[in-house]
PDB file of N, CA and C in Angstrom:
ATOM      1  N   MET A   1     206.406  56.432  -2.172  1.00  0.00           N
ATOM      2  CA  MET A   1     207.117  55.243  -2.568  1.00  0.00           C
ATOM      3  C   MET A   1     208.492  55.552  -3.142  1.00  0.00           C
ATOM      4  N   ALA A   2     208.685  56.712  -3.725  1.00  0.00           N
ATOM      5  CA  ALA A   2     209.981  57.056  -4.297  1.00  0.00           C
ATOM      6  C   ALA A   2     211.046  57.088  -3.199  1.00  0.00           C
ATOM      7  N   ARG A   3     210.649  57.509  -2.026  1.00  0.00           N
ATOM      8  CA  ARG A   3     211.588  57.566  -0.927  1.00  0.00           C
ATOM      9  C   ARG A   3     212.052  56.176  -0.518  1.00  0.00           C
ATOM     10  N   GLY A   4     211.161  55.221  -0.531  1.00  0.00           N
ATOM     11  CA  GLY A   4     211.499  53.849  -0.188  1.00  0.00           C
ATOM     12  C   GLY A   4     212.426  53.225  -1.214  1.00  0.00           C
ATOM     13  N   ASP A   5     212.264  53.595  -2.495  1.00  0.00           N
ATOM     14  CA  ASP A   5     213.116  53.057  -3.547  1.00  0.00           C
ATOM     15  C   ASP A   5     214.558  53.494  -3.359  1.00  0.00           C
ATOM     16  N   GLU A   6     214.763  54.729  -2.924  1.00  0.00           N
ATOM     17  CA  GLU A   6     216.114  55.235  -2.691  1.00  0.00           C
ATOM     18  C   GLU A   6     216.792  54.432  -1.588  1.00  0.00           C
ATOM     19  N   ARG A   7     216.074  54.159  -0.547  1.00  0.00           N
ATOM     20  CA  ARG A   7     216.657  53.496   0.615  1.00  0.00           C
ATOM     21  C   ARG A   7     216.823  51.995   0.396  1.00  0.00           C
ATOM     22  N   ALA A   8     216.146  51.442  -0.576  1.00  0.00           N
ATOM     23  CA  ALA A   8     216.260  50.009  -0.841  1.00  0.00           C
ATOM     24  C   ALA A   8     217.648  49.645  -1.347  1.00  0.00           C
ATOM     25  N   ASN A   9     218.333  50.585  -1.962  1.00  0.00           N
ATOM     26  CA  ASN A   9     219.646  50.317  -2.533  1.00  0.00           C
ATOM     27  C   ASN A   9     220.779  50.526  -1.541  1.00  0.00           C
ATOM     28  N   ARG A  10     220.468  50.867  -0.304  1.00  0.00           N
ATOM     29  CA  ARG A  10     221.513  51.197   0.667  1.00  0.00           C
ATOM     30  C   ARG A  10     222.327  49.996   1.123  1.00  0.00           C
ATOM     31  N   GLY A  11     221.719  48.863   1.344  1.00  0.00           N
ATOM     32  CA  GLY A  11     222.476  47.746   1.878  1.00  0.00           C
ATOM     33  C   GLY A  11     221.841  46.417   1.557  1.00  0.00           C
ATOM     34  N   PRO A  12     222.583  45.347   1.816  1.00  0.00           N
ATOM     35  CA  PRO A  12     222.050  44.022   1.512  1.00  0.00           C
ATOM     36  C   PRO A  12     220.974  43.611   2.508  1.00  0.00           C
ATOM     37  N   MET A  13     219.990  42.889   2.017  1.00  0.00           N
ATOM     38  CA  MET A  13     218.946  42.348   2.868  1.00  0.00           C
ATOM     39  C   MET A  13     219.101  40.828   2.875  1.00  0.00           C
ATOM     40  N   ALA A  14     218.657  40.213   3.951  1.00  0.00           N
ATOM     41  CA  ALA A  14     218.726  38.758   4.015  1.00  0.00           C
ATOM     42  C   ALA A  14     217.863  38.156   2.909  1.00  0.00           C
ATOM     43  N   SER A  15     218.191  36.958   2.497  1.00  0.00           N
ATOM     44  CA  SER A  15     217.502  36.354   1.360  1.00  0.00           C
ATOM     45  C   SER A  15     216.032  36.064   1.655  1.00  0.00           C
ATOM     46  N   PHE A  16     215.677  35.851   2.913  1.00  0.00           N
ATOM     47  CA  PHE A  16     214.300  35.521   3.244  1.00  0.00           C
ATOM     48  C   PHE A  16     213.429  36.755   3.479  1.00  0.00           C
ATOM     49  N   VAL A  17     214.002  37.958   3.492  1.00  0.00           N
ATOM     50  CA  VAL A  17     213.252  39.184   3.717  1.00  0.00           C
ATOM     51  C   VAL A  17     212.771  39.730   2.381  1.00  0.00           C
ATOM     52  N   ARG A  18     211.454  39.966   2.273  1.00  0.00           N
ATOM     53  CA  ARG A  18     210.916  40.509   1.026  1.00  0.00           C
ATOM     54  C   ARG A  18     210.787  42.028   1.080  1.00  0.00           C
ATOM     55  N   TYR A  19     210.316  42.537   2.206  1.00  0.00           N
ATOM     56  CA  TYR A  19     210.231  43.982   2.362  1.00  0.00           C
ATOM     57  C   TYR A  19     210.243  44.345   3.833  1.00  0.00           C
ATOM     58  N   ILE A  20     210.588  45.616   4.110  1.00  0.00           N
ATOM     59  CA  ILE A  20     210.645  46.137   5.466  1.00  0.00           C
ATOM     60  C   ILE A  20     209.772  47.376   5.518  1.00  0.00           C
ATOM     61  N   THR A  21     208.920  47.486   6.525  1.00  0.00           N
ATOM     62  CA  THR A  21     208.112  48.684   6.713  1.00  0.00           C
ATOM     63  C   THR A  21     208.780  49.542   7.775  1.00  0.00           C
ATOM     64  N   VAL A  22     209.066  50.796   7.440  1.00  0.00           N
ATOM     65  CA  VAL A  22     209.751  51.707   8.349  1.00  0.00           C
ATOM     66  C   VAL A  22     208.732  52.691   8.902  1.00  0.00           C
ATOM     67  N   VAL A  23     208.636  52.743  10.232  1.00  0.00           N
ATOM     68  CA  VAL A  23     207.695  53.630  10.903  1.00  0.00           C
ATOM     69  C   VAL A  23     208.450  54.386  11.973  1.00  0.00           C
ATOM     70  N   GLY A  24     208.307  55.735  12.000  1.00  0.00           N
ATOM     71  CA  GLY A  24     208.932  56.541  13.040  1.00  0.00           C
ATOM     72  C   GLY A  24     208.105  56.503  14.315  1.00  0.00           C
ATOM     73  N   ALA A  25     208.642  57.029  15.404  1.00  0.00           N
ATOM     74  CA  ALA A  25     207.947  57.009  16.686  1.00  0.00           C
ATOM     75  C   ALA A  25     206.650  57.823  16.643  1.00  0.00           C
ATOM     76  N   ASP A  26     206.723  59.068  16.200  1.00  0.00           N
ATOM     77  CA  ASP A  26     205.533  59.931  16.099  1.00  0.00           C
ATOM     78  C   ASP A  26     205.312  60.295  14.638  1.00  0.00           C
ATOM     79  N   ALA A  27     205.355  59.320  13.777  1.00  0.00           N
ATOM     80  CA  ALA A  27     205.314  59.587  12.338  1.00  0.00           C
ATOM     81  C   ALA A  27     203.888  59.707  11.831  1.00  0.00           C
ATOM     82  N   PRO A  28     203.635  60.763  11.058  1.00  0.00           N
ATOM     83  CA  PRO A  28     202.339  60.826  10.377  1.00  0.00           C
ATOM     84  C   PRO A  28     202.303  59.768   9.259  1.00  0.00           C
ATOM     85  N   ALA A  29     201.135  59.565   8.696  1.00  0.00           N
ATOM     86  CA  ALA A  29     200.942  58.491   7.708  1.00  0.00           C
ATOM     87  C   ALA A  29     201.851  58.631   6.494  1.00  0.00           C
ATOM     88  N   GLU A  30     202.182  59.867   6.093  1.00  0.00           N
ATOM     89  CA  GLU A  30     203.006  60.043   4.883  1.00  0.00           C
ATOM     90  C   GLU A  30     204.482  59.715   5.117  1.00  0.00           C
ATOM     91  N   ASP A  31     204.919  59.574   6.378  1.00  0.00           N
ATOM     92  CA  ASP A  31     206.310  59.228   6.664  1.00  0.00           C
ATOM     93  C   ASP A  31     206.534  57.722   6.800  1.00  0.00           C
ATOM     94  N   ILE A  32     205.504  56.925   6.644  1.00  0.00           N
ATOM     95  CA  ILE A  32     205.643  55.477   6.695  1.00  0.00           C
ATOM     96  C   ILE A  32     205.913  54.989   5.274  1.00  0.00           C
ATOM     97  N   TYR A  33     206.955  54.201   5.125  1.00  0.00           N
ATOM     98  CA  TYR A  33     207.282  53.701   3.788  1.00  0.00           C
ATOM     99  C   TYR A  33     207.838  52.288   3.886  1.00  0.00           C
ATOM    100  N   GLU A  34     207.893  51.633   2.750  1.00  0.00           N
ATOM    101  CA  GLU A  34     208.386  50.261   2.695  1.00  0.00           C
ATOM    102  C   GLU A  34     209.653  50.205   1.861  1.00  0.00           C
ATOM    103  N   ILE A  35     210.578  49.371   2.302  1.00  0.00           N
ATOM    104  CA  ILE A  35     211.783  49.099   1.526  1.00  0.00           C
ATOM    105  C   ILE A  35     211.592  47.704   0.944  1.00  0.00           C
ATOM    106  N   LYS A  36     211.530  47.626  -0.390  1.00  0.00           N
ATOM    107  CA  LYS A  36     211.299  46.338  -1.040  1.00  0.00           C
ATOM    108  C   LYS A  36     212.577  45.840  -1.681  1.00  0.00           C
ATOM    109  N   LYS A  37     212.758  44.546  -1.611  1.00  0.00           N
ATOM    110  CA  LYS A  37     213.901  43.924  -2.252  1.00  0.00           C
ATOM    111  C   LYS A  37     213.571  43.729  -3.728  1.00  0.00           C
ATOM    112  N   LYS A  38     214.493  44.152  -4.586  1.00  0.00           N
ATOM    113  CA  LYS A  38     214.258  44.022  -6.016  1.00  0.00           C
ATOM    114  C   LYS A  38     214.480  42.581  -6.449  1.00  0.00           C
ATOM    115  N   LYS A  39     213.619  42.100  -7.320  1.00  0.00           N
ATOM    116  CA  LYS A  39     213.758  40.749  -7.844  1.00  0.00           C
ATOM    117  C   LYS A  39     214.765  40.757  -8.986  1.00  0.00           C
ATOM    118  N   LYS A  40     215.550  39.694  -9.057  1.00  0.00           N
ATOM    119  CA  LYS A  40     216.491  39.572 -10.160  1.00  0.00           C
ATOM    120  C   LYS A  40     215.732  39.163 -11.412  1.00  0.00           C
ATOM    121  N   LYS A  41     216.135  39.727 -12.545  1.00  0.00           N
ATOM    122  CA  LYS A  41     215.510  39.331 -13.797  1.00  0.00           C
ATOM    123  C   LYS A  41     216.058  37.987 -14.234  1.00  0.00           C
ATOM    124  N   LYS A  42     215.205  37.190 -14.817  1.00  0.00           N
ATOM    125  CA  LYS A  42     215.610  35.879 -15.302  1.00  0.00           C
ATOM    126  C   LYS A  42     216.441  36.056 -16.572  1.00  0.00           C
ATOM    127  N   ARG A  43     217.536  35.300 -16.658  1.00  0.00           N
ATOM    128  CA  ARG A  43     218.357  35.365 -17.862  1.00  0.00           C
ATOM    129  C   ARG A  43     217.604  34.706 -18.996  1.00  0.00           C
ATOM    130  N   ARG A  44     217.558  35.363 -20.122  1.00  0.00           N
ATOM    131  CA  ARG A  44     216.821  34.830 -21.263  1.00  0.00           C
ATOM    132  C   ARG A  44     217.817  34.304 -22.287  1.00  0.00           C
ATOM    133  N   ILE A  45     218.027  32.985 -22.264  1.00  0.00           N
ATOM    134  CA  ILE A  45     218.975  32.348 -23.164  1.00  0.00           C
ATOM    135  C   ILE A  45     218.328  31.084 -23.713  1.00  0.00           C
ATOM    136  N   SER A  46     218.459  30.874 -24.994  1.00  0.00           N
ATOM    137  CA  SER A  46     217.941  29.655 -25.609  1.00  0.00           C
ATOM    138  C   SER A  46     218.653  28.441 -25.029  1.00  0.00           C
ATOM    139  N   ARG A  47     217.945  27.346 -24.960  1.00  0.00           N
ATOM    140  CA  ARG A  47     218.501  26.129 -24.375  1.00  0.00           C
ATOM    141  C   ARG A  47     219.761  25.688 -25.106  1.00  0.00           C
ATOM    142  N   TRP A  48     219.765  25.748 -26.412  1.00  0.00           N
ATOM    143  CA  TRP A  48     220.921  25.269 -27.174  1.00  0.00           C
ATOM    144  C   TRP A  48     222.107  26.221 -27.105  1.00  0.00           C
ATOM    145  N   LEU A  49     221.895  27.460 -26.642  1.00  0.00           N
ATOM    146  CA  LEU A  49     222.997  28.411 -26.492  1.00  0.00           C
ATOM    147  C   LEU A  49     223.577  28.454 -25.079  1.00  0.00           C
ATOM    148  N   ARG A  50     222.940  27.793 -24.135  1.00  0.00           N
ATOM    149  CA  ARG A  50     223.408  27.836 -22.746  1.00  0.00           C
ATOM    150  C   ARG A  50     224.838  27.342 -22.561  1.00  0.00           C
ATOM    151  N   PRO A  51     225.226  26.198 -23.152  1.00  0.00           N
ATOM    152  CA  PRO A  51     226.618  25.760 -22.980  1.00  0.00           C
ATOM    153  C   PRO A  51     227.626  26.773 -23.542  1.00  0.00           C
ATOM    154  N   MET A  52     227.269  27.390 -24.660  1.00  0.00           N
ATOM    155  CA  MET A  52     228.160  28.384 -25.255  1.00  0.00           C
ATOM    156  C   MET A  52     228.266  29.614 -24.347  1.00  0.00           C
ATOM    157  N   GLU A  53     227.145  30.013 -23.755  1.00  0.00           N
ATOM    158  CA  GLU A  53     227.138  31.175 -22.855  1.00  0.00           C
ATOM    159  C   GLU A  53     227.960  30.881 -21.604  1.00  0.00           C
ATOM    160  N   ARG A  54     227.840  29.659 -21.068  1.00  0.00           N
ATOM    161  CA  ARG A  54     228.623  29.272 -19.891  1.00  0.00           C
ATOM    162  C   ARG A  54     230.115  29.318 -20.191  1.00  0.00           C
ATOM    163  N   GLY A  55     230.481  28.797 -21.361  1.00  0.00           N
ATOM    164  CA  GLY A  55     231.888  28.820 -21.762  1.00  0.00           C
ATOM    165  C   GLY A  55     232.403  30.239 -21.943  1.00  0.00           C
ATOM    166  N   GLN A  56     231.578  31.086 -22.535  1.00  0.00           N
ATOM    167  CA  GLN A  56     231.963  32.482 -22.742  1.00  0.00           C
ATOM    168  C   GLN A  56     232.164  33.188 -21.405  1.00  0.00           C
ATOM    169  N   ARG A  57     231.249  32.949 -20.459  1.00  0.00           N
ATOM    170  CA  ARG A  57     231.362  33.579 -19.141  1.00  0.00           C
ATOM    171  C   ARG A  57     232.625  33.103 -18.424  1.00  0.00           C
ATOM    172  N   ARG A  58     232.902  31.800 -18.520  1.00  0.00           N
ATOM    173  CA  ARG A  58     234.091  31.247 -17.872  1.00  0.00           C
ATOM    174  C   ARG A  58     235.362  31.832 -18.492  1.00  0.00           C
ATOM    175  N   LEU A  59     235.361  32.016 -19.811  1.00  0.00           N
ATOM    176  CA  LEU A  59     236.509  32.604 -20.499  1.00  0.00           C
ATOM    177  C   LEU A  59     236.747  34.042 -20.030  1.00  0.00           C
ATOM    178  N   VAL A  60     235.674  34.799 -19.880  1.00  0.00           N
ATOM    179  CA  VAL A  60     235.791  36.185 -19.407  1.00  0.00           C
ATOM    180  C   VAL A  60     236.293  36.224 -17.969  1.00  0.00           C
ATOM    181  N   GLN A  61     235.811  35.312 -17.130  1.00  0.00           N
ATOM    182  CA  GLN A  61     236.277  35.260 -15.743  1.00  0.00           C
ATOM    183  C   GLN A  61     237.762  34.908 -15.682  1.00  0.00           C
ATOM    184  N   ALA A  62     238.203  33.988 -16.544  1.00  0.00           N
ATOM    185  CA  ALA A  62     239.612  33.605 -16.571  1.00  0.00           C
ATOM    186  C   ALA A  62     240.469  34.785 -17.031  1.00  0.00           C
ATOM    187  N   SER A  63     239.990  35.505 -18.030  1.00  0.00           N
ATOM    188  CA  SER A  63     240.719  36.673 -18.522  1.00  0.00           C
ATOM    189  C   SER A  63     240.841  37.735 -17.434  1.00  0.00           C
ATOM    190  N   ASP A  64     239.763  37.928 -16.697  1.00  0.00           N
ATOM    191  CA  ASP A  64     239.759  38.883 -15.592  1.00  0.00           C
ATOM    192  C   ASP A  64     240.743  38.450 -14.507  1.00  0.00           C
ATOM    193  N   ALA A  65     240.756  37.168 -14.179  1.00  0.00           N
ATOM    194  CA  ALA A  65     241.675  36.644 -13.169  1.00  0.00           C
ATOM    195  C   ALA A  65     243.120  36.833 -13.618  1.00  0.00           C
ATOM    196  N   TYR A  66     243.393  36.610 -14.904  1.00  0.00           N
ATOM    197  CA  TYR A  66     244.740  36.793 -15.441  1.00  0.00           C
ATOM    198  C   TYR A  66     245.189  38.251 -15.266  1.00  0.00           C
ATOM    199  N   GLY A  67     244.316  39.174 -15.643  1.00  0.00           N
ATOM    200  CA  GLY A  67     244.657  40.596 -15.537  1.00  0.00           C
ATOM    201  C   GLY A  67     244.913  41.034 -14.107  1.00  0.00           C
ATOM    202  N   LYS A  68     244.052  40.616 -13.195  1.00  0.00           N
ATOM    203  CA  LYS A  68     244.208  41.004 -11.784  1.00  0.00           C
ATOM    204  C   LYS A  68     245.483  40.431 -11.184  1.00  0.00           C
ATOM    205  N   GLU A  69     245.723  39.142 -11.466  1.00  0.00           N
ATOM    206  CA  GLU A  69     246.907  38.488 -10.907  1.00  0.00           C
ATOM    207  C   GLU A  69     248.180  39.074 -11.493  1.00  0.00           C
ATOM    208  N   SER A  70     248.165  39.346 -12.790  1.00  0.00           N
ATOM    209  CA  SER A  70     249.329  39.930 -13.452  1.00  0.00           C
ATOM    210  C   SER A  70     249.643  41.309 -12.862  1.00  0.00           C
ATOM    211  N   ARG A  71     248.619  42.112 -12.671  1.00  0.00           N
ATOM    212  CA  ARG A  71     248.798  43.453 -12.103  1.00  0.00           C
ATOM    213  C   ARG A  71     249.305  43.379 -10.666  1.00  0.00           C
ATOM    214  N   ARG A  72     248.751  42.446  -9.877  1.00  0.00           N
ATOM    215  CA  ARG A  72     249.152  42.310  -8.480  1.00  0.00           C
ATOM    216  C   ARG A  72     250.622  41.896  -8.380  1.00  0.00           C
ATOM    217  N   ARG A  73     251.027  40.942  -9.201  1.00  0.00           N
ATOM    218  CA  ARG A  73     252.418  40.487  -9.179  1.00  0.00           C
ATOM    219  C   ARG A  73     253.374  41.547  -9.722  1.00  0.00           C
ATOM    220  N   HIS A  74     252.943  42.303 -10.717  1.00  0.00           N
ATOM    221  CA  HIS A  74     253.741  43.396 -11.270  1.00  0.00           C
ATOM    222  C   HIS A  74     254.055  44.420 -10.177  1.00  0.00           C
ATOM    223  N   ASP A  75     253.020  44.832  -9.457  1.00  0.00           N
ATOM    224  CA  ASP A  75     253.204  45.811  -8.383  1.00  0.00           C
ATOM    225  C   ASP A  75     254.077  45.262  -7.258  1.00  0.00           C
ATOM    226  N   LYS A  76     253.884  43.991  -6.930  1.00  0.00           N
ATOM    227  CA  LYS A  76     254.670  43.362  -5.864  1.00  0.00           C
ATOM    228  C   LYS A  76     256.149  43.311  -6.253  1.00  0.00           C
ATOM    229  N   SER A  77     256.437  42.981  -7.521  1.00  0.00           N
ATOM    230  CA  SER A  77     257.823  42.928  -7.992  1.00  0.00           C
ATOM    231  C   SER A  77     258.472  44.303  -7.946  1.00  0.00           C
ATOM    232  N   ASN A  78     257.719  45.339  -8.288  1.00  0.00           N
ATOM    233  CA  ASN A  78     258.257  46.695  -8.249  1.00  0.00           C
ATOM    234  C   ASN A  78     258.540  47.161  -6.829  1.00  0.00           C
ATOM    235  N   ARG A  79     257.728  46.729  -5.884  1.00  0.00           N
ATOM    236  CA  ARG A  79     257.988  47.095  -4.492  1.00  0.00           C
ATOM    237  C   ARG A  79     259.202  46.349  -3.949  1.00  0.00           C
ATOM    238  N   LYS A  80     259.414  45.143  -4.442  1.00  0.00           N
ATOM    239  CA  LYS A  80     260.469  44.284  -3.922  1.00  0.00           C
ATOM    240  C   LYS A  80     261.865  44.815  -4.268  1.00  0.00           C
ATOM    241  N   ARG A  81     262.062  45.208  -5.539  1.00  0.00           N
ATOM    242  CA  ARG A  81     263.385  45.696  -5.939  1.00  0.00           C
ATOM    243  C   ARG A  81     263.268  46.636  -7.138  1.00  0.00           C
ATOM    244  N   LYS A  82     264.343  47.355  -7.395  1.00  0.00           N
ATOM    245  CA  LYS A  82     264.366  48.308  -8.501  1.00  0.00           C
ATOM    246  C   LYS A  82     264.209  47.559  -9.828  1.00  0.00           C
ATOM    247  N   ASN A  83     263.349  48.068 -10.693  1.00  0.00           N
ATOM    248  CA  ASN A  83     263.036  47.440 -11.986  1.00  0.00           C
ATOM    249  C   ASN A  83     262.612  45.980 -11.816  1.00  0.00           C
ATOM    250  N   GLY A  84     261.949  45.696 -10.728  1.00  0.00           N
ATOM    251  CA  GLY A  84     261.563  44.332 -10.403  1.00  0.00           C
ATOM    252  C   GLY A  84     260.603  43.728 -11.405  1.00  0.00           C
ATOM    253  N   PHE A  85     259.740  44.555 -11.993  1.00  0.00           N
ATOM    254  CA  PHE A  85     258.776  44.027 -12.956  1.00  0.00           C
ATOM    255  C   PHE A  85     259.485  43.411 -14.150  1.00  0.00           C
ATOM    256  N   LEU A  86     260.623  43.986 -14.535  1.00  0.00           N
ATOM    257  CA  LEU A  86     261.373  43.480 -15.680  1.00  0.00           C
ATOM    258  C   LEU A  86     262.090  42.177 -15.335  1.00  0.00           C
ATOM    259  N   ARG A  87     262.628  42.125 -14.137  1.00  0.00           N
ATOM    260  CA  ARG A  87     263.357  40.926 -13.710  1.00  0.00           C
ATOM    261  C   ARG A  87     262.426  39.734 -13.504  1.00  0.00           C
ATOM    262  N   ASP A  88     261.238  39.998 -12.970  1.00  0.00           N
ATOM    263  CA  ASP A  88     260.310  38.917 -12.639  1.00  0.00           C
ATOM    264  C   ASP A  88     259.230  38.704 -13.694  1.00  0.00           C
ATOM    265  N   SER A  89     259.335  39.351 -14.843  1.00  0.00           N
ATOM    266  CA  SER A  89     258.226  39.335 -15.807  1.00  0.00           C
ATOM    267  C   SER A  89     257.855  37.922 -16.262  1.00  0.00           C
ATOM    268  N   ASN A  90     258.834  37.093 -16.579  1.00  0.00           N
ATOM    269  CA  ASN A  90     258.510  35.738 -17.042  1.00  0.00           C
ATOM    270  C   ASN A  90     257.798  34.935 -15.966  1.00  0.00           C
ATOM    271  N   LEU A  91     258.324  34.973 -14.757  1.00  0.00           N
ATOM    272  CA  LEU A  91     257.723  34.231 -13.653  1.00  0.00           C
ATOM    273  C   LEU A  91     256.320  34.768 -13.334  1.00  0.00           C
ATOM    274  N   ASN A  92     256.174  36.087 -13.367  1.00  0.00           N
ATOM    275  CA  ASN A  92     254.866  36.686 -13.100  1.00  0.00           C
ATOM    276  C   ASN A  92     253.828  36.252 -14.127  1.00  0.00           C
ATOM    277  N   GLN A  93     254.214  36.209 -15.400  1.00  0.00           N
ATOM    278  CA  GLN A  93     253.276  35.820 -16.449  1.00  0.00           C
ATOM    279  C   GLN A  93     252.893  34.343 -16.327  1.00  0.00           C
ATOM    280  N   VAL A  94     253.846  33.504 -15.972  1.00  0.00           N
ATOM    281  CA  VAL A  94     253.557  32.080 -15.794  1.00  0.00           C
ATOM    282  C   VAL A  94     252.565  31.892 -14.652  1.00  0.00           C
ATOM    283  N   ARG A  95     252.782  32.580 -13.549  1.00  0.00           N
ATOM    284  CA  ARG A  95     251.909  32.425 -12.392  1.00  0.00           C
ATOM    285  C   ARG A  95     250.523  33.022 -12.642  1.00  0.00           C
ATOM    286  N   ALA A  96     250.476  34.139 -13.375  1.00  0.00           N
ATOM    287  CA  ALA A  96     249.174  34.729 -13.714  1.00  0.00           C
ATOM    288  C   ALA A  96     248.407  33.807 -14.659  1.00  0.00           C
ATOM    289  N   THR A  97     249.115  33.179 -15.582  1.00  0.00           N
ATOM    290  CA  THR A  97     248.483  32.236 -16.502  1.00  0.00           C
ATOM    291  C   THR A  97     247.946  31.033 -15.737  1.00  0.00           C
ATOM    292  N   ARG A  98     248.705  30.559 -14.766  1.00  0.00           N
ATOM    293  CA  ARG A  98     248.252  29.429 -13.945  1.00  0.00           C
ATOM    294  C   ARG A  98     246.962  29.784 -13.212  1.00  0.00           C
ATOM    295  N   GLU A  99     246.892  30.994 -12.694  1.00  0.00           N
ATOM    296  CA  GLU A  99     245.692  31.441 -11.981  1.00  0.00           C
ATOM    297  C   GLU A  99     244.495  31.495 -12.933  1.00  0.00           C
ATOM    298  N   ALA A 100     244.723  31.974 -14.156  1.00  0.00           N
ATOM    299  CA  ALA A 100     243.644  32.032 -15.148  1.00  0.00           C
ATOM    300  C   ALA A 100     243.176  30.629 -15.531  1.00  0.00           C
ATOM    301  N   MET A 101     244.108  29.699 -15.659  1.00  0.00           N
ATOM    302  CA  MET A 101     243.752  28.321 -16.024  1.00  0.00           C
ATOM    303  C   MET A 101     242.924  27.660 -14.930  1.00  0.00           C
ATOM    304  N   LYS A 102     243.196  28.003 -13.678  1.00  0.00           N
ATOM    305  CA  LYS A 102     242.391  27.475 -12.577  1.00  0.00           C
ATOM    306  C   LYS A 102     240.933  27.902 -12.745  1.00  0.00           C
ATOM    307  N   LYS A 103     240.733  29.176 -13.117  1.00  0.00           N
ATOM    308  CA  LYS A 103     239.373  29.687 -13.306  1.00  0.00           C
ATOM    309  C   LYS A 103     238.731  29.078 -14.539  1.00  0.00           C
ATOM    310  N   LEU A 104     239.510  28.894 -15.588  1.00  0.00           N
ATOM    311  CA  LEU A 104     238.969  28.411 -16.855  1.00  0.00           C
ATOM    312  C   LEU A 104     238.539  26.956 -16.772  1.00  0.00           C
ATOM    313  N   PHE A 105     239.334  26.119 -16.109  1.00  0.00           N
ATOM    314  CA  PHE A 105     239.039  24.685 -16.064  1.00  0.00           C
ATOM    315  C   PHE A 105     238.492  24.227 -14.728  1.00  0.00           C
ATOM    316  N   LYS A 106     237.849  25.136 -14.009  1.00  0.00           N
ATOM    317  CA  LYS A 106     237.248  24.803 -12.720  1.00  0.00           C
ATOM    318  C   LYS A 106     236.025  23.914 -12.958  1.00  0.00           C
ATOM    319  N   PHE A 107     235.908  22.834 -12.185  1.00  0.00           N
ATOM    320  CA  PHE A 107     234.782  21.919 -12.374  1.00  0.00           C
ATOM    321  C   PHE A 107     233.863  21.930 -11.205  1.00  0.00           C
TER     322      PHE A 107
END
């Protein structure tokens, strides 16, 4: 079974597949193994804390979006012209903030 566990992490399985049995052409019994899909653990959160957790997750996603967008625009400005990050810094920050706000207030 340890061999099957290693191979279970190799790639995505369709959502309706629970496990796959792998059998070789002339395989002895010890070479037959199953690849099982791991079940996701249920999130354990109190009912009254769920809205706070959702807000916290959304805030983290917005922060992540801000960082990625800011970095992408910084690099793009530097490729565009010499010291481009300095020239475009205000515009880059405004646009990165806009991207973060989209994630934060998504409904």
